[in-house]
Protein backbone atom coordinates (compact mmCIF):
# COMPACT_ATOMS: atom_id res chain seq x y z
CA MET A 1 -73.32 -98.51 -7.52
CA ALA A 2 -70.19 -97.26 -9.27
CA GLU A 3 -68.85 -93.90 -8.19
CA LYS A 4 -69.11 -91.07 -10.70
CA ILE A 5 -65.91 -89.03 -10.58
CA VAL A 6 -65.69 -85.63 -12.30
CA PHE A 7 -62.41 -83.73 -12.68
CA LEU A 8 -63.34 -80.07 -13.17
CA ASP A 9 -59.95 -78.62 -14.22
CA SER A 10 -57.65 -81.36 -15.45
CA THR A 11 -55.24 -79.01 -17.27
CA SER A 12 -54.18 -77.63 -13.89
CA ILE A 13 -51.91 -80.68 -13.55
CA ILE A 14 -49.36 -82.06 -16.03
CA ALA A 15 -48.96 -85.68 -14.99
CA ASP A 16 -49.92 -89.26 -15.75
CA ILE A 17 -53.16 -89.56 -13.79
CA ARG A 18 -54.08 -93.20 -13.33
CA ARG A 19 -57.69 -94.24 -12.87
CA PRO A 20 -58.89 -95.43 -9.44
CA ALA A 21 -58.75 -99.17 -8.83
CA PHE A 22 -62.48 -99.65 -8.22
CA PRO A 23 -65.57 -99.56 -10.47
CA HIS A 24 -66.30 -95.98 -11.47
CA GLN A 25 -67.41 -93.59 -14.18
CA TRP A 26 -64.78 -90.95 -15.04
CA GLU A 27 -65.41 -87.56 -16.61
CA SER A 28 -62.69 -84.97 -17.13
CA TYR A 29 -62.86 -81.36 -18.28
CA PRO A 30 -59.83 -79.20 -19.10
CA ALA A 31 -61.44 -76.24 -17.31
CA THR A 32 -64.80 -75.33 -15.82
CA THR A 33 -66.47 -71.96 -15.43
CA ALA A 34 -68.66 -71.05 -12.46
CA GLU A 35 -71.76 -71.38 -14.66
CA GLN A 36 -70.82 -74.94 -15.69
CA ILE A 37 -70.10 -76.45 -12.27
CA VAL A 38 -73.56 -77.66 -11.26
CA ALA A 39 -74.38 -79.19 -14.64
CA ARG A 40 -71.06 -81.01 -14.83
CA LEU A 41 -71.33 -82.36 -11.30
CA ALA A 42 -74.94 -83.52 -11.71
CA GLY A 43 -75.01 -87.11 -10.52
CA ALA A 44 -71.38 -87.03 -9.42
CA THR A 45 -70.38 -88.60 -6.12
CA VAL A 46 -66.76 -87.43 -6.28
CA ALA A 47 -65.56 -84.04 -7.52
CA ILE A 48 -61.92 -83.27 -8.25
CA THR A 49 -60.95 -79.60 -8.23
CA ASN A 50 -57.74 -77.68 -8.13
CA LYS A 51 -58.90 -74.07 -8.41
CA VAL A 52 -62.58 -74.35 -9.42
CA PRO A 53 -64.52 -72.96 -6.40
CA LEU A 54 -67.07 -75.14 -4.65
CA GLN A 55 -68.95 -72.85 -2.32
CA ARG A 56 -72.20 -73.26 -0.35
CA GLU A 57 -74.54 -72.01 -3.09
CA THR A 58 -73.09 -74.61 -5.46
CA LEU A 59 -72.85 -77.47 -2.96
CA GLU A 60 -76.49 -77.11 -1.94
CA GLN A 61 -77.45 -77.93 -5.53
CA LEU A 62 -75.48 -81.20 -5.50
CA PRO A 63 -77.23 -83.60 -3.09
CA GLY A 64 -75.40 -86.63 -4.46
CA LEU A 65 -71.90 -85.29 -3.88
CA LYS A 66 -70.10 -87.34 -1.24
CA MET A 67 -66.44 -86.46 -1.64
CA ILE A 68 -64.31 -83.57 -2.88
CA ALA A 69 -60.72 -84.39 -3.79
CA ILE A 70 -58.73 -81.17 -3.86
CA ALA A 71 -55.83 -81.45 -6.31
CA ALA A 72 -53.77 -79.03 -4.24
CA THR A 73 -52.81 -78.31 -0.65
CA GLY A 74 -54.78 -75.07 -0.28
CA THR A 75 -58.43 -75.47 0.70
CA ASP A 76 -59.65 -71.88 0.33
CA LYS A 77 -61.60 -72.67 -2.87
CA VAL A 78 -63.88 -75.13 -1.04
CA ASP A 79 -66.47 -74.22 1.62
CA ILE A 80 -65.17 -76.54 4.31
CA ALA A 81 -67.83 -75.58 6.86
CA CYS A 82 -70.62 -76.38 4.42
CA CYS A 83 -69.02 -79.72 3.55
CA ARG A 84 -68.91 -80.66 7.22
CA GLU A 85 -72.57 -79.76 7.60
CA ARG A 86 -73.52 -81.87 4.60
CA GLY A 87 -71.25 -84.80 5.44
CA ILE A 88 -69.08 -84.34 2.35
CA VAL A 89 -65.59 -85.79 2.79
CA VAL A 90 -62.87 -83.36 1.68
CA SER A 91 -59.27 -84.47 1.21
CA ASN A 92 -56.34 -82.38 0.08
CA ILE A 93 -52.76 -83.09 -1.00
CA ARG A 94 -49.97 -83.12 1.58
CA ASP A 95 -46.22 -82.62 1.35
CA TYR A 96 -45.92 -83.22 -2.41
CA SER A 97 -44.00 -79.97 -3.01
CA VAL A 98 -41.39 -80.20 -0.26
CA HIS A 99 -38.58 -80.19 -2.81
CA THR A 100 -39.87 -78.09 -5.69
CA VAL A 101 -41.13 -75.07 -3.70
CA PRO A 102 -37.98 -74.72 -1.54
CA GLU A 103 -35.85 -74.89 -4.70
CA HIS A 104 -37.89 -72.04 -6.17
CA VAL A 105 -37.52 -70.07 -2.95
CA PHE A 106 -33.75 -70.34 -3.15
CA MET A 107 -33.72 -69.52 -6.84
CA LEU A 108 -35.45 -66.24 -5.99
CA MET A 109 -33.18 -65.59 -3.01
CA LEU A 110 -29.98 -66.22 -4.95
CA ALA A 111 -31.07 -64.20 -7.98
CA LEU A 112 -31.95 -61.22 -5.79
CA ARG A 113 -29.01 -61.40 -3.37
CA ARG A 114 -26.59 -61.61 -6.30
CA ASN A 115 -28.43 -59.03 -8.46
CA LEU A 116 -28.86 -61.42 -11.38
CA LEU A 117 -31.43 -59.34 -13.25
CA ALA A 118 -29.44 -56.11 -12.94
CA PHE A 119 -26.26 -57.74 -14.21
CA ARG A 120 -28.15 -59.36 -17.08
CA THR A 121 -29.43 -55.92 -18.10
CA ASP A 122 -25.90 -54.49 -17.92
CA LEU A 123 -24.65 -57.21 -20.24
CA LYS A 124 -27.44 -56.57 -22.74
CA GLN A 125 -26.55 -52.87 -22.67
CA GLY A 126 -22.83 -53.54 -23.25
CA GLU A 127 -21.56 -52.44 -19.84
CA TRP A 128 -19.11 -55.35 -19.46
CA GLN A 129 -17.89 -54.94 -23.01
CA ARG A 130 -16.92 -51.34 -22.22
CA ALA A 131 -15.47 -52.12 -18.78
CA GLY A 132 -11.86 -51.25 -17.99
CA GLN A 133 -11.20 -54.44 -16.03
CA PHE A 134 -12.08 -58.14 -16.02
CA CYS A 135 -15.22 -57.85 -13.83
CA LEU A 136 -18.12 -55.48 -13.37
CA PHE A 137 -18.89 -53.87 -10.00
CA THR A 138 -22.06 -52.03 -11.02
CA HIS A 139 -24.25 -53.76 -8.41
CA PRO A 140 -23.60 -55.24 -4.98
CA VAL A 141 -23.42 -59.02 -4.60
CA HIS A 142 -24.26 -60.59 -1.24
CA ASP A 143 -23.80 -64.18 -0.09
CA LEU A 144 -26.50 -66.20 1.59
CA HIS A 145 -23.85 -67.71 3.87
CA GLY A 146 -23.78 -65.82 7.15
CA SER A 147 -27.07 -64.01 6.52
CA THR A 148 -30.26 -64.42 8.55
CA LEU A 149 -33.41 -66.04 7.19
CA GLY A 150 -36.74 -65.25 8.80
CA LEU A 151 -39.09 -68.20 8.34
CA ILE A 152 -42.80 -67.41 8.74
CA GLY A 153 -44.56 -70.75 8.70
CA HIS A 154 -42.86 -73.98 9.78
CA GLY A 155 -44.87 -76.77 8.18
CA ALA A 156 -43.44 -79.35 5.81
CA ILE A 157 -42.34 -76.78 3.21
CA GLY A 158 -41.04 -74.36 5.82
CA GLN A 159 -38.99 -77.13 7.39
CA ALA A 160 -37.56 -78.07 3.99
CA VAL A 161 -36.61 -74.44 3.39
CA GLU A 162 -34.95 -74.41 6.80
CA ARG A 163 -32.82 -77.45 5.89
CA LEU A 164 -31.61 -75.78 2.70
CA ALA A 165 -30.90 -72.56 4.59
CA VAL A 166 -28.75 -74.41 7.10
CA ALA A 167 -26.88 -76.08 4.24
CA PHE A 168 -26.16 -72.62 2.80
CA GLY A 169 -24.81 -71.50 6.17
CA MET A 170 -27.68 -69.17 7.04
CA GLU A 171 -28.94 -68.43 10.53
CA VAL A 172 -32.65 -69.27 10.72
CA LEU A 173 -35.21 -67.48 12.88
CA LEU A 174 -38.60 -69.16 13.27
CA ALA A 175 -41.33 -66.55 13.61
CA GLU A 176 -43.86 -66.82 16.41
CA HIS A 177 -47.49 -66.09 15.55
CA LYS A 178 -48.17 -62.43 14.91
CA GLY A 179 -49.71 -60.61 17.85
CA THR A 180 -48.94 -63.22 20.51
CA THR A 181 -46.98 -62.35 23.62
CA ASP A 182 -46.08 -65.97 24.39
CA VAL A 183 -43.00 -67.01 22.44
CA ARG A 184 -42.44 -70.76 22.24
CA PRO A 185 -38.98 -72.25 22.81
CA GLY A 186 -37.05 -72.18 19.55
CA TYR A 187 -39.15 -69.36 18.11
CA THR A 188 -38.60 -65.59 17.89
CA ALA A 189 -41.17 -62.83 18.30
CA PHE A 190 -42.80 -61.92 14.99
CA ALA A 191 -41.68 -58.28 14.99
CA SER A 192 -38.12 -59.28 15.93
CA VAL A 193 -37.94 -61.63 12.97
CA LEU A 194 -38.98 -58.80 10.65
CA HIS A 195 -36.40 -56.48 12.19
CA GLU A 196 -33.46 -58.91 12.29
CA SER A 197 -33.75 -60.90 9.05
CA ASP A 198 -31.90 -60.34 5.78
CA VAL A 199 -34.43 -62.50 3.95
CA ILE A 200 -38.00 -63.27 5.00
CA THR A 201 -39.95 -66.10 3.39
CA LEU A 202 -43.63 -66.96 3.86
CA HIS A 203 -44.94 -70.53 4.12
CA LEU A 204 -48.42 -70.53 5.60
CA PRO A 205 -52.04 -70.81 4.39
CA LEU A 206 -54.31 -67.91 3.59
CA ASN A 207 -57.20 -67.44 6.01
CA GLY A 208 -58.85 -64.72 8.05
CA GLN A 209 -55.93 -64.54 10.45
CA THR A 210 -53.16 -64.44 7.83
CA ARG A 211 -54.67 -62.17 5.18
CA HIS A 212 -52.39 -59.11 4.80
CA LEU A 213 -50.08 -60.55 7.43
CA ILE A 214 -47.44 -58.32 5.88
CA GLY A 215 -48.53 -54.73 5.29
CA ALA A 216 -47.01 -51.28 5.42
CA ALA A 217 -46.31 -51.48 9.16
CA GLU A 218 -44.50 -54.81 8.84
CA LEU A 219 -42.51 -53.68 5.79
CA ALA A 220 -41.39 -50.65 7.78
CA LEU A 221 -39.83 -52.97 10.37
CA MET A 222 -37.64 -54.75 7.82
CA LYS A 223 -34.00 -53.89 7.14
CA PRO A 224 -33.49 -51.53 4.18
CA HIS A 225 -31.64 -54.28 2.29
CA ALA A 226 -33.97 -57.14 3.30
CA LEU A 227 -35.78 -59.36 0.80
CA LEU A 228 -39.36 -60.64 1.04
CA ILE A 229 -40.11 -64.00 -0.62
CA ASN A 230 -43.66 -65.26 -1.08
CA THR A 231 -44.37 -68.61 -2.73
CA ALA A 232 -47.41 -69.35 -0.54
CA ARG A 233 -50.49 -67.19 -1.22
CA GLY A 234 -50.73 -63.67 -2.66
CA GLY A 235 -53.21 -62.42 -0.07
CA LEU A 236 -50.66 -62.85 2.71
CA VAL A 237 -49.12 -59.54 1.63
CA ASP A 238 -50.69 -56.12 1.03
CA GLU A 239 -49.53 -55.84 -2.56
CA ALA A 240 -50.06 -52.09 -2.84
CA ALA A 241 -47.96 -51.55 0.27
CA LEU A 242 -45.24 -53.80 -1.13
CA ALA A 243 -45.22 -51.91 -4.44
CA ASP A 244 -44.81 -48.66 -2.50
CA ALA A 245 -41.97 -50.13 -0.42
CA LEU A 246 -40.13 -51.33 -3.53
CA ASN A 247 -40.64 -48.12 -5.49
CA SER A 248 -39.41 -46.03 -2.56
CA GLY A 249 -36.44 -48.29 -1.82
CA ARG A 250 -37.81 -49.05 1.64
CA ILE A 251 -36.75 -52.72 1.36
CA GLY A 252 -34.05 -54.37 -0.72
CA GLY A 253 -36.24 -56.46 -2.98
CA ALA A 254 -38.89 -59.14 -3.29
CA GLY A 255 -39.50 -62.42 -5.07
CA PHE A 256 -43.12 -63.49 -5.55
CA ASP A 257 -44.72 -66.51 -7.20
CA VAL A 258 -48.30 -65.68 -6.19
CA LEU A 259 -50.81 -62.84 -6.44
CA THR A 260 -54.09 -62.23 -4.63
CA VAL A 261 -56.16 -62.88 -7.77
CA GLU A 262 -54.91 -65.40 -10.32
CA PRO A 263 -54.75 -65.07 -13.23
CA PRO A 264 -54.40 -61.28 -12.71
CA SER A 265 -56.69 -60.40 -15.61
CA GLN A 266 -57.80 -57.17 -13.95
CA GLY A 267 -54.27 -56.03 -13.20
CA ASN A 268 -52.24 -55.88 -10.02
CA PRO A 269 -49.84 -53.25 -8.63
CA LEU A 270 -46.99 -55.75 -8.69
CA LEU A 271 -47.43 -56.33 -12.43
CA ASP A 272 -46.55 -52.68 -13.05
CA LEU A 273 -43.15 -52.95 -11.37
CA ASP A 274 -40.16 -53.00 -13.70
CA LEU A 275 -37.37 -53.17 -11.16
CA PRO A 276 -34.18 -55.24 -11.08
CA ASN A 277 -34.85 -56.11 -7.44
CA PHE A 278 -38.32 -57.59 -7.98
CA ILE A 279 -39.01 -60.98 -9.52
CA LEU A 280 -42.53 -62.23 -10.21
CA THR A 281 -43.15 -65.75 -11.48
CA PRO A 282 -46.61 -67.05 -12.54
CA HIS A 283 -47.47 -69.46 -9.68
CA ILE A 284 -45.03 -72.14 -10.81
CA ALA A 285 -43.02 -72.86 -7.65
CA TRP A 286 -45.11 -75.99 -7.03
CA SER A 287 -45.04 -77.22 -10.61
CA GLY A 288 -41.89 -79.29 -10.94
CA ARG A 289 -42.84 -82.28 -13.10
CA GLU A 290 -41.79 -84.68 -10.38
CA ALA A 291 -43.89 -82.84 -7.82
CA MET A 292 -46.96 -82.83 -10.07
CA GLN A 293 -46.69 -86.57 -10.59
CA SER A 294 -46.50 -87.06 -6.83
CA LEU A 295 -49.58 -84.85 -6.48
CA ALA A 296 -51.49 -86.88 -9.08
CA ASP A 297 -50.58 -90.17 -7.41
CA GLN A 298 -51.71 -88.90 -4.01
CA LEU A 299 -54.91 -87.47 -5.50
CA ILE A 300 -56.03 -90.88 -6.72
CA ALA A 301 -54.88 -92.53 -3.49
CA ASN A 302 -57.13 -90.10 -1.58
CA ILE A 303 -60.11 -91.09 -3.72
CA GLU A 304 -59.37 -94.79 -3.30
CA ALA A 305 -59.09 -94.38 0.47
CA TYR A 306 -62.49 -92.66 0.53
CA ALA A 307 -64.06 -95.42 -1.56
CA ALA A 308 -62.60 -98.03 0.80
CA GLY A 309 -64.23 -96.30 3.77
CA THR A 310 -60.96 -95.06 5.24
CA PRO A 311 -60.59 -91.43 4.06
CA GLN A 312 -57.12 -89.95 4.36
CA ASN A 313 -55.71 -86.40 4.33
CA ARG A 314 -59.10 -85.15 5.47
CA VAL A 315 -59.89 -81.50 6.05
CA ALA A 316 -63.63 -82.25 6.38
């Protein structure tokens, strides 16, 4: 019997998505609400989702579902434990964004270290035009070379960020797990990384152990000029505490590409910030066109591997 494959949120990816090379029925929806999930997956054997949640209550109504292909790396939208209980194969995407996310990280770092937004505002207000000399010294400019990068999370993306940091001439500190007293060779205690780094960047998944990994206490350990970069998951940081730290000048700045709830239709304390030392982008660090095509290719390869009886990139 041909597989029935249903893509629940196809507009979450801009790419040429080829069809699997085996007999199948294909249905694709630009977006799917919570109320539409069960009806759309009725009779489906394979579900593709990027951000549409597939939790226990929904999965229990889909006895024919055999495989969930997550069109992303993060798995927090899928009830992995329930899938294991029900024998549903779950595969995610690996290492597709090892170039595009690190580039975004360094865009944020460079813009903040060199005060790009503040200088742009000065130009719009005519400050350079009224200056008495050839250059404007209204804001400090700091190099990345010779500064210290604190890397929290050392997977594929973290390692790619480390390579770029070394190329820029930065010293890199790899953070040990928070709360542990055993520091592995090559790693630095979590609190020491916060205290010693000029820039801290987060590259780890969101789960029960990492939620609010950075809160008021951790921000208080950072240098007054330090930057916090988050292109991973919004919930890793207590956003209210970060807003307080930025408004009070407790840290030097922050660059974020993620928020706890996306889209932030109900507001968020970081949306209210209008500061030259804070940059917020709308979850686009991963979305380089080349990266999205790589994601799409791997997505279909995961489905084909499942159909061939040799599932790959499994999380369940």
